[in-house]
Amino acid sequence: MNNTAASPMSTVATSSSGRATGKSTSFTLELQSMMFSLGDARRPLHETAVLVEDIVHTQLINLLQQAAEVSQLRGARVISAEDLLFLMRKDKKKLKRLLKYMFFRDYKSKIVKGIEEDDLLEDKFSNSSNVNKRQKIAQDFLHSIDQTGELLAMFEDDEIDDVKQERMERAERQTRMMDTAQYAEFCESRQLSFSAKKASKFRDWLDCSSMEIKPNVIAMEILAYLAYETVAQLVDLALLVRQDMAPKAGDPFSHAISATFIQYHASSEPHLFGSSSGMKSSPDSPENTPPPTPTAPTSGPQHPGKNQSGTLGNGNIGQDSAKTKQRKRKKSTAACGIEAQSDAIQPSHIREAIRRYGHKIGPVSPFTSAYRRNGMTFLAC
């Protein structure tokens, strides 16, 4: 597999420009609901969903290109499940997760066709291709490339998936304080995917019609699954970054923030770092001048309920108080806006998560990942 020197962040930044028909087909709204069901705020930010969509789109396009190369080496005319399984063979945990997904797809097909559960479990390890079509494809292919028995052992491995367990526990914590309407919305969001009733839209999003070697039906199912897993992993990593960047009481290193995080954070969300495009930056502006020094009160009876006609500093007290209240309202409104968005995943969290995930550590780090193309590390495999 050919590798270039491009950085992961440059690949993310140029992902939207590489789309053909993807600009007219968008999953932004669906992605916002998916991100909510995976642990984001109830109203995820639109700009974050757009960035996640660009990342997922770029990753799948690159994965399709590699799968097409593998398919050509096999002499096949279409991209099939075998090509994607071959690309995922080195990550045992994610491959095992995919195999379980393929089994449950077969399980769902049998339920739809009216086959009873007992018959399905008895036929789980049978050799009939009509009983477990996807399972048999995966088992036959992995048997042909497995020299140590590690890959075939995953079919009988019932070990708990820590990542899935963490996501379920997070979903349980997320729903504790929900009312009936919020929980119904959450359940609908959890049922969304890239394949359910959106197969043609998903094909258009990936621009499969322009490919010489096109993916078949089962390959499209796997690609839709990998797209959802990429979104889930992005949310997992972004939540860790957000937790990492939150100030912790009593932690002497809580102020030590990644320089790259600050760079992307300041460029994308300058208002969170105390600067704003609409805020005056002149040193002579009223916002940057100290308040006027009040003069000594005049003698005589004072009536607190009435406006005073005296002066304070250089201006009238009524004008100064009005300006002060207006500035306070602006500051409180801005603070409320930032607080409302503080629970949502920011684009800077996604960028920092991608940077950390693709960061090379150690002298042999360039040889530890077999899933790099154009300098980008694949999230789903």
Protein backbone atom coordinates (compact mmCIF):
# COMPACT_ATOMS: atom_id res chain seq x y z
CA MET A 1 0.00 0.00 0.00
CA ASN A 2 1.36 3.35 -1.03
CA ASN A 3 1.87 6.00 1.64
CA THR A 4 2.52 9.70 1.22
CA ALA A 5 3.78 12.35 3.58
CA ALA A 6 0.49 14.22 3.97
CA SER A 7 -0.61 14.85 7.53
CA PRO A 8 -3.88 13.56 8.99
CA MET A 9 -5.16 17.07 9.63
CA SER A 10 -4.46 18.22 6.07
CA THR A 11 -6.41 15.23 4.81
CA VAL A 12 -9.33 16.18 7.02
CA ALA A 13 -9.16 19.81 6.00
CA THR A 14 -9.34 19.01 2.28
CA SER A 15 -11.87 16.21 2.51
CA SER A 16 -14.88 18.30 1.48
CA SER A 17 -13.11 19.52 -1.67
CA GLY A 18 -12.57 15.94 -2.82
CA ARG A 19 -16.25 15.10 -3.10
CA ALA A 20 -17.90 14.59 -6.43
CA THR A 21 -21.59 14.08 -5.78
CA GLY A 22 -21.17 14.09 -2.03
CA LYS A 23 -21.87 17.83 -1.82
CA SER A 24 -25.45 17.38 -3.03
CA THR A 25 -25.98 14.38 -0.73
CA SER A 26 -25.49 15.02 2.95
CA PHE A 27 -25.95 13.06 6.18
CA THR A 28 -25.47 16.09 8.44
CA LEU A 29 -28.91 15.93 10.07
CA GLU A 30 -28.67 12.18 10.57
CA LEU A 31 -25.18 12.59 11.99
CA GLN A 32 -26.39 15.08 14.57
CA SER A 33 -28.94 12.54 15.79
CA MET A 34 -26.34 9.76 15.76
CA MET A 35 -23.92 11.88 17.76
CA PHE A 36 -26.64 12.62 20.31
CA SER A 37 -27.35 8.91 20.73
CA LEU A 38 -23.62 8.20 21.11
CA GLY A 39 -23.05 10.66 23.96
CA ASP A 40 -23.03 14.18 22.54
CA ALA A 41 -25.38 16.95 23.70
CA ARG A 42 -29.06 16.80 22.80
CA ARG A 43 -28.47 19.42 20.08
CA PRO A 44 -25.02 18.71 18.60
CA LEU A 45 -23.34 21.60 16.82
CA HIS A 46 -23.95 21.78 13.07
CA GLU A 47 -20.32 22.66 12.33
CA THR A 48 -19.16 19.63 14.33
CA ALA A 49 -21.50 17.34 12.39
CA VAL A 50 -20.21 18.79 9.10
CA LEU A 51 -16.62 18.10 10.15
CA VAL A 52 -17.49 14.55 11.24
CA GLU A 53 -19.22 13.96 7.91
CA ASP A 54 -16.14 15.11 6.02
CA ILE A 55 -13.90 12.81 8.05
CA VAL A 56 -16.15 9.78 7.63
CA HIS A 57 -16.56 10.47 3.91
CA THR A 58 -12.80 10.78 3.40
CA GLN A 59 -12.09 7.61 5.35
CA LEU A 60 -14.63 5.53 3.42
CA ILE A 61 -13.45 6.83 0.03
CA ASN A 62 -9.88 5.84 0.89
CA LEU A 63 -11.08 2.49 2.22
CA LEU A 64 -12.98 1.87 -1.02
CA GLN A 65 -9.86 2.66 -3.04
CA GLN A 66 -7.83 0.14 -1.08
CA ALA A 67 -10.59 -2.45 -1.34
CA ALA A 68 -10.70 -1.93 -5.12
CA GLU A 69 -6.94 -2.57 -5.30
CA VAL A 70 -7.34 -5.80 -3.31
CA SER A 71 -10.22 -6.82 -5.55
CA GLN A 72 -8.09 -6.30 -8.64
CA LEU A 73 -5.33 -8.44 -7.16
CA ARG A 74 -7.88 -11.22 -6.62
CA GLY A 75 -9.07 -10.84 -10.20
CA ALA A 76 -12.63 -10.04 -9.07
CA ARG A 77 -15.03 -7.77 -10.88
CA VAL A 78 -16.68 -6.28 -7.80
CA ILE A 79 -15.64 -5.22 -4.31
CA SER A 80 -16.90 -7.90 -1.95
CA ALA A 81 -16.83 -8.65 1.76
CA GLU A 82 -13.56 -10.57 1.35
CA ASP A 83 -11.71 -7.41 0.31
CA LEU A 84 -12.85 -5.49 3.36
CA LEU A 85 -12.13 -8.42 5.69
CA PHE A 86 -8.62 -8.59 4.27
CA LEU A 87 -8.04 -4.90 5.09
CA MET A 88 -9.26 -5.42 8.66
CA ARG A 89 -7.41 -8.66 9.36
CA LYS A 90 -4.73 -7.10 11.62
CA ASP A 91 -7.08 -5.40 14.08
CA LYS A 92 -8.57 -8.40 15.88
CA LYS A 93 -10.97 -6.46 18.08
CA LYS A 94 -12.57 -4.51 15.26
CA LEU A 95 -12.64 -7.57 13.03
CA LYS A 96 -14.39 -9.53 15.76
CA ARG A 97 -16.90 -6.68 16.09
CA LEU A 98 -17.55 -6.85 12.34
CA LEU A 99 -18.01 -10.63 12.43
CA LYS A 100 -20.59 -10.26 15.18
CA TYR A 101 -22.38 -7.63 13.09
CA MET A 102 -22.44 -9.98 10.09
CA PHE A 103 -23.88 -12.76 12.27
CA PHE A 104 -26.68 -10.51 13.51
CA ARG A 105 -27.41 -9.41 9.95
CA ASP A 106 -27.94 -13.06 9.11
CA TYR A 107 -30.00 -13.41 12.26
CA LYS A 108 -32.21 -10.49 11.21
CA SER A 109 -32.66 -11.97 7.74
CA LYS A 110 -33.84 -15.25 9.22
CA ILE A 111 -36.29 -13.45 11.52
CA VAL A 112 -37.71 -11.50 8.59
CA LYS A 113 -38.10 -14.69 6.58
CA GLY A 114 -39.88 -16.37 9.46
CA ILE A 115 -37.27 -18.89 10.56
CA GLU A 116 -37.53 -19.69 14.25
CA GLU A 117 -34.74 -18.90 16.70
CA ASP A 118 -33.97 -22.53 17.55
CA ASP A 119 -33.41 -23.41 13.89
CA LEU A 120 -31.10 -20.42 13.51
CA LEU A 121 -28.90 -21.35 16.47
CA GLU A 122 -28.64 -24.94 15.28
CA ASP A 123 -27.56 -23.77 11.84
CA LYS A 124 -25.01 -21.24 13.14
CA PHE A 125 -22.00 -23.44 12.35
CA SER A 126 -23.51 -25.33 9.44
CA ASN A 127 -21.97 -25.32 5.98
CA SER A 128 -25.13 -24.31 4.12
CA SER A 129 -24.64 -20.97 2.36
CA ASN A 130 -28.39 -20.38 2.37
CA VAL A 131 -28.57 -20.44 6.18
CA ASN A 132 -25.81 -18.00 7.18
CA LYS A 133 -24.69 -16.35 4.00
CA ARG A 134 -22.56 -13.59 5.50
CA GLN A 135 -21.12 -15.81 8.20
CA LYS A 136 -20.12 -18.44 5.68
CA ILE A 137 -18.44 -15.88 3.41
CA ALA A 138 -16.38 -14.57 6.33
CA GLN A 139 -15.56 -18.02 7.69
CA ASP A 140 -14.44 -19.41 4.32
CA PHE A 141 -12.29 -16.41 3.53
CA LEU A 142 -10.62 -16.18 6.95
CA HIS A 143 -9.95 -19.91 6.81
CA SER A 144 -8.10 -19.40 3.52
CA ILE A 145 -5.75 -16.74 4.93
CA ASP A 146 -5.47 -17.86 8.56
CA GLN A 147 -2.19 -19.67 9.23
CA THR A 148 -2.21 -19.52 13.02
CA GLY A 149 -5.87 -20.14 13.86
CA GLU A 150 -6.28 -16.73 15.55
CA LEU A 151 -8.83 -15.47 13.04
CA LEU A 152 -11.05 -18.54 13.12
CA ALA A 153 -10.94 -18.55 16.92
CA MET A 154 -12.87 -15.27 16.92
CA PHE A 155 -16.03 -17.05 15.76
CA GLU A 156 -16.24 -18.82 19.12
CA ASP A 157 -14.87 -16.01 21.29
CA ASP A 158 -17.58 -14.68 23.64
CA GLU A 159 -15.40 -12.15 25.45
CA ILE A 160 -17.14 -8.88 26.39
CA ASP A 161 -16.35 -5.97 24.10
CA ASP A 162 -15.07 -3.21 26.40
CA VAL A 163 -15.79 -0.46 23.88
CA LYS A 164 -19.39 -1.56 23.36
CA GLN A 165 -19.83 -1.96 27.11
CA GLU A 166 -18.58 1.57 27.73
CA ARG A 167 -20.98 2.96 25.11
CA MET A 168 -23.93 1.16 26.68
CA GLU A 169 -23.03 2.41 30.15
CA ARG A 170 -22.70 5.95 28.80
CA ALA A 171 -26.11 5.67 27.12
CA GLU A 172 -27.61 4.44 30.39
CA ARG A 173 -26.18 7.42 32.28
CA GLN A 174 -27.36 9.74 29.53
CA THR A 175 -30.99 8.62 29.83
CA ARG A 176 -31.31 8.79 33.62
CA MET A 177 -32.64 12.36 33.69
CA MET A 178 -34.70 12.20 30.48
CA ASP A 179 -38.46 12.62 30.39
CA THR A 180 -40.74 10.60 28.10
CA ALA A 181 -40.38 12.88 25.06
CA GLN A 182 -36.61 13.09 25.37
CA TYR A 183 -36.28 9.33 25.76
CA ALA A 184 -38.45 8.73 22.68
CA GLU A 185 -36.19 11.07 20.70
CA PHE A 186 -33.13 9.28 22.06
CA CYS A 187 -34.51 5.86 21.01
CA GLU A 188 -35.24 7.12 17.50
CA SER A 189 -31.71 8.49 17.25
CA ARG A 190 -30.21 5.13 18.30
CA GLN A 191 -32.00 3.42 15.41
CA LEU A 192 -30.41 5.61 12.75
CA SER A 193 -27.71 4.24 10.47
CA PHE A 194 -26.26 4.79 7.02
CA SER A 195 -28.03 1.76 5.56
CA ALA A 196 -31.53 1.70 7.06
CA LYS A 197 -33.85 2.95 4.28
CA LYS A 198 -30.95 5.03 2.90
CA ALA A 199 -29.05 2.55 0.74
CA SER A 200 -29.35 4.58 -2.47
CA LYS A 201 -28.47 7.80 -0.64
CA PHE A 202 -25.42 6.12 0.87
CA ARG A 203 -24.28 4.94 -2.59
CA ASP A 204 -24.68 8.45 -3.98
CA TRP A 205 -22.78 9.86 -1.00
CA LEU A 206 -19.84 7.56 -1.80
CA ASP A 207 -20.24 8.20 -5.55
CA CYS A 208 -20.17 4.48 -6.31
CA SER A 209 -21.58 5.03 -9.81
CA SER A 210 -18.27 6.58 -10.94
CA MET A 211 -16.16 3.64 -9.77
CA GLU A 212 -14.86 1.06 -12.22
CA ILE A 213 -15.06 -1.72 -9.61
CA LYS A 214 -18.25 -1.27 -7.60
CA PRO A 215 -19.07 -2.80 -4.20
CA ASN A 216 -21.73 -5.49 -4.04
CA VAL A 217 -24.67 -5.54 -1.62
CA ILE A 218 -22.87 -7.19 1.31
CA ALA A 219 -19.87 -4.88 0.87
CA MET A 220 -22.22 -1.90 1.05
CA GLU A 221 -23.67 -3.27 4.29
CA ILE A 222 -20.16 -3.51 5.75
CA LEU A 223 -19.28 0.00 4.55
CA ALA A 224 -22.43 1.40 6.19
CA TYR A 225 -21.50 -0.39 9.40
CA LEU A 226 -17.92 0.95 9.25
CA ALA A 227 -19.25 4.47 8.63
CA TYR A 228 -21.35 4.28 11.81
CA GLU A 229 -18.43 2.81 13.77
CA THR A 230 -16.24 5.69 12.58
CA VAL A 231 -18.78 8.20 13.89
CA ALA A 232 -18.98 6.30 17.18
CA GLN A 233 -15.20 6.24 17.58
CA LEU A 234 -14.93 9.94 16.76
CA VAL A 235 -17.48 10.70 19.49
CA ASP A 236 -15.64 8.38 21.92
CA LEU A 237 -12.33 10.12 21.28
CA ALA A 238 -13.83 13.63 21.31
CA LEU A 239 -15.47 13.00 24.68
CA LEU A 240 -12.09 11.93 26.06
CA VAL A 241 -10.47 15.08 24.67
CA ARG A 242 -13.21 17.25 26.16
CA GLN A 243 -12.76 15.57 29.52
CA ASP A 244 -9.00 15.99 29.23
CA MET A 245 -9.30 19.70 28.51
CA ALA A 246 -11.74 20.44 31.34
CA PRO A 247 -10.03 22.13 34.29
CA LYS A 248 -9.70 19.86 37.31
CA ALA A 249 -9.63 21.23 40.84
CA GLY A 250 -6.41 20.42 42.64
CA ASP A 251 -4.60 19.26 39.51
CA PRO A 252 -1.36 21.24 39.11
CA PHE A 253 -1.07 20.19 35.45
CA SER A 254 -4.63 21.11 34.44
CA HIS A 255 -3.37 24.32 32.86
CA ALA A 256 -1.00 22.42 30.55
CA ILE A 257 -2.99 22.24 27.32
CA SER A 258 -1.70 20.85 24.05
CA ALA A 259 -0.27 23.57 21.81
CA THR A 260 -1.95 22.00 18.78
CA PHE A 261 -5.28 22.00 20.61
CA ILE A 262 -4.90 25.71 21.38
CA GLN A 263 -3.99 26.45 17.77
CA TYR A 264 -7.06 24.75 16.29
CA HIS A 265 -9.26 25.92 19.16
CA ALA A 266 -8.26 29.57 18.73
CA SER A 267 -8.65 29.47 14.94
CA SER A 268 -12.07 27.82 14.97
CA GLU A 269 -13.61 29.16 18.21
CA PRO A 270 -11.89 32.48 19.01
CA HIS A 271 -14.72 33.57 21.32
CA LEU A 272 -13.82 30.80 23.76
CA PHE A 273 -10.34 32.26 24.16
CA GLY A 274 -11.55 35.74 24.99
CA SER A 275 -11.39 37.22 21.50
CA SER A 276 -14.21 37.89 19.12
CA SER A 277 -14.48 39.35 15.65
CA GLY A 278 -17.19 41.74 16.81
CA MET A 279 -15.38 42.90 19.95
CA LYS A 280 -13.42 46.13 19.90
CA SER A 281 -9.69 45.64 20.17
CA SER A 282 -8.60 49.27 20.27
CA PRO A 283 -6.88 50.24 23.52
CA ASP A 284 -8.91 53.48 23.51
CA SER A 285 -12.27 51.77 23.25
CA PRO A 286 -14.72 52.15 26.17
CA GLU A 287 -14.48 48.42 26.88
CA ASN A 288 -10.76 48.73 27.56
CA THR A 289 -10.81 51.94 29.63
CA PRO A 290 -11.15 51.85 33.41
CA PRO A 291 -14.39 53.10 34.96
CA PRO A 292 -14.49 56.80 35.89
CA THR A 293 -13.56 57.77 39.41
CA PRO A 294 -16.63 59.03 41.29
CA THR A 295 -16.47 62.44 42.95
CA ALA A 296 -17.40 63.10 46.54
CA PRO A 297 -21.16 63.28 47.07
CA THR A 298 -22.62 66.73 47.54
CA SER A 299 -24.13 67.77 50.81
CA GLY A 300 -27.85 67.75 51.23
CA PRO A 301 -30.61 65.22 51.55
CA GLN A 302 -30.36 62.26 49.25
CA HIS A 303 -33.38 60.50 47.81
CA PRO A 304 -32.49 56.95 46.69
CA GLY A 305 -35.65 56.63 44.65
CA LYS A 306 -34.89 59.62 42.45
CA ASN A 307 -32.28 60.12 39.74
CA GLN A 308 -29.41 62.35 40.75
CA SER A 309 -28.49 65.30 38.57
CA GLY A 310 -24.87 65.35 39.70
CA THR A 311 -21.98 64.07 37.69
CA LEU A 312 -19.68 61.12 38.23
CA GLY A 313 -16.31 61.25 36.55
CA ASN A 314 -16.57 62.55 32.99
CA GLY A 315 -20.18 61.67 32.15
CA ASN A 316 -23.74 61.76 33.33
CA ILE A 317 -24.70 59.06 35.82
CA GLY A 318 -27.75 58.03 33.82
CA GLN A 319 -25.76 57.55 30.63
CA ASP A 320 -22.96 55.70 32.43
CA SER A 321 -25.34 53.37 34.22
CA ALA A 322 -27.19 52.63 30.99
CA LYS A 323 -23.93 51.80 29.21
CA THR A 324 -22.81 49.65 32.13
CA LYS A 325 -26.06 47.69 32.14
CA GLN A 326 -25.89 47.26 28.37
CA ARG A 327 -22.34 45.92 28.58
CA LYS A 328 -23.35 43.56 31.38
CA ARG A 329 -26.27 42.27 29.31
CA LYS A 330 -23.98 41.65 26.36
CA LYS A 331 -21.47 39.84 28.54
CA SER A 332 -24.15 37.74 30.21
CA THR A 333 -25.72 36.86 26.85
CA ALA A 334 -22.34 35.82 25.46
CA ALA A 335 -21.63 33.82 28.59
CA CYS A 336 -24.99 32.05 28.33
CA GLY A 337 -24.28 31.24 24.69
CA ILE A 338 -20.91 29.74 25.54
CA GLU A 339 -22.38 27.84 28.47
CA ALA A 340 -25.16 26.44 26.25
CA GLN A 341 -22.56 25.12 23.81
CA SER A 342 -20.11 23.92 26.44
CA ASP A 343 -21.80 20.51 26.72
CA ALA A 344 -21.68 19.90 22.97
CA ILE A 345 -18.64 18.48 21.23
CA GLN A 346 -16.72 21.29 19.54
CA PRO A 347 -14.96 20.97 16.15
CA SER A 348 -11.67 21.55 17.98
CA HIS A 349 -12.32 18.41 20.05
CA ILE A 350 -12.70 16.38 16.84
CA ARG A 351 -9.52 17.83 15.33
CA GLU A 352 -7.53 17.17 18.48
CA ALA A 353 -8.90 13.61 18.64
CA ILE A 354 -7.79 12.97 15.06
CA ARG A 355 -4.37 14.46 15.78
CA ARG A 356 -3.88 12.27 18.84
CA TYR A 357 -5.13 9.13 17.12
CA GLY A 358 -2.73 9.55 14.21
CA HIS A 359 0.22 10.71 16.29
CA LYS A 360 3.30 8.52 15.89
CA ILE A 361 5.10 7.58 19.09
CA GLY A 362 8.29 5.53 19.27
CA PRO A 363 10.97 4.51 16.78
CA VAL A 364 8.87 1.74 15.19
CA SER A 365 5.62 3.71 15.05
CA PRO A 366 5.64 4.07 11.21
CA PHE A 367 5.42 0.28 10.99
CA THR A 368 2.68 -0.26 13.58
CA SER A 369 -0.30 0.72 11.44
CA ALA A 370 -1.10 -1.03 8.20
CA TYR A 371 -4.08 1.21 7.48
CA ARG A 372 -2.46 4.44 6.43
CA ARG A 373 -3.14 6.08 3.12
CA ASN A 374 -2.34 9.69 2.26
CA GLY A 375 -0.94 10.00 5.75
CA MET A 376 -4.30 9.22 7.37
CA THR A 377 -4.98 6.53 9.96
CA PHE A 378 -8.25 4.66 9.51
CA LEU A 379 -10.54 4.82 12.50
CA ALA A 380 -12.84 1.93 11.65
CA CYS A 381 -10.19 -0.66 10.75
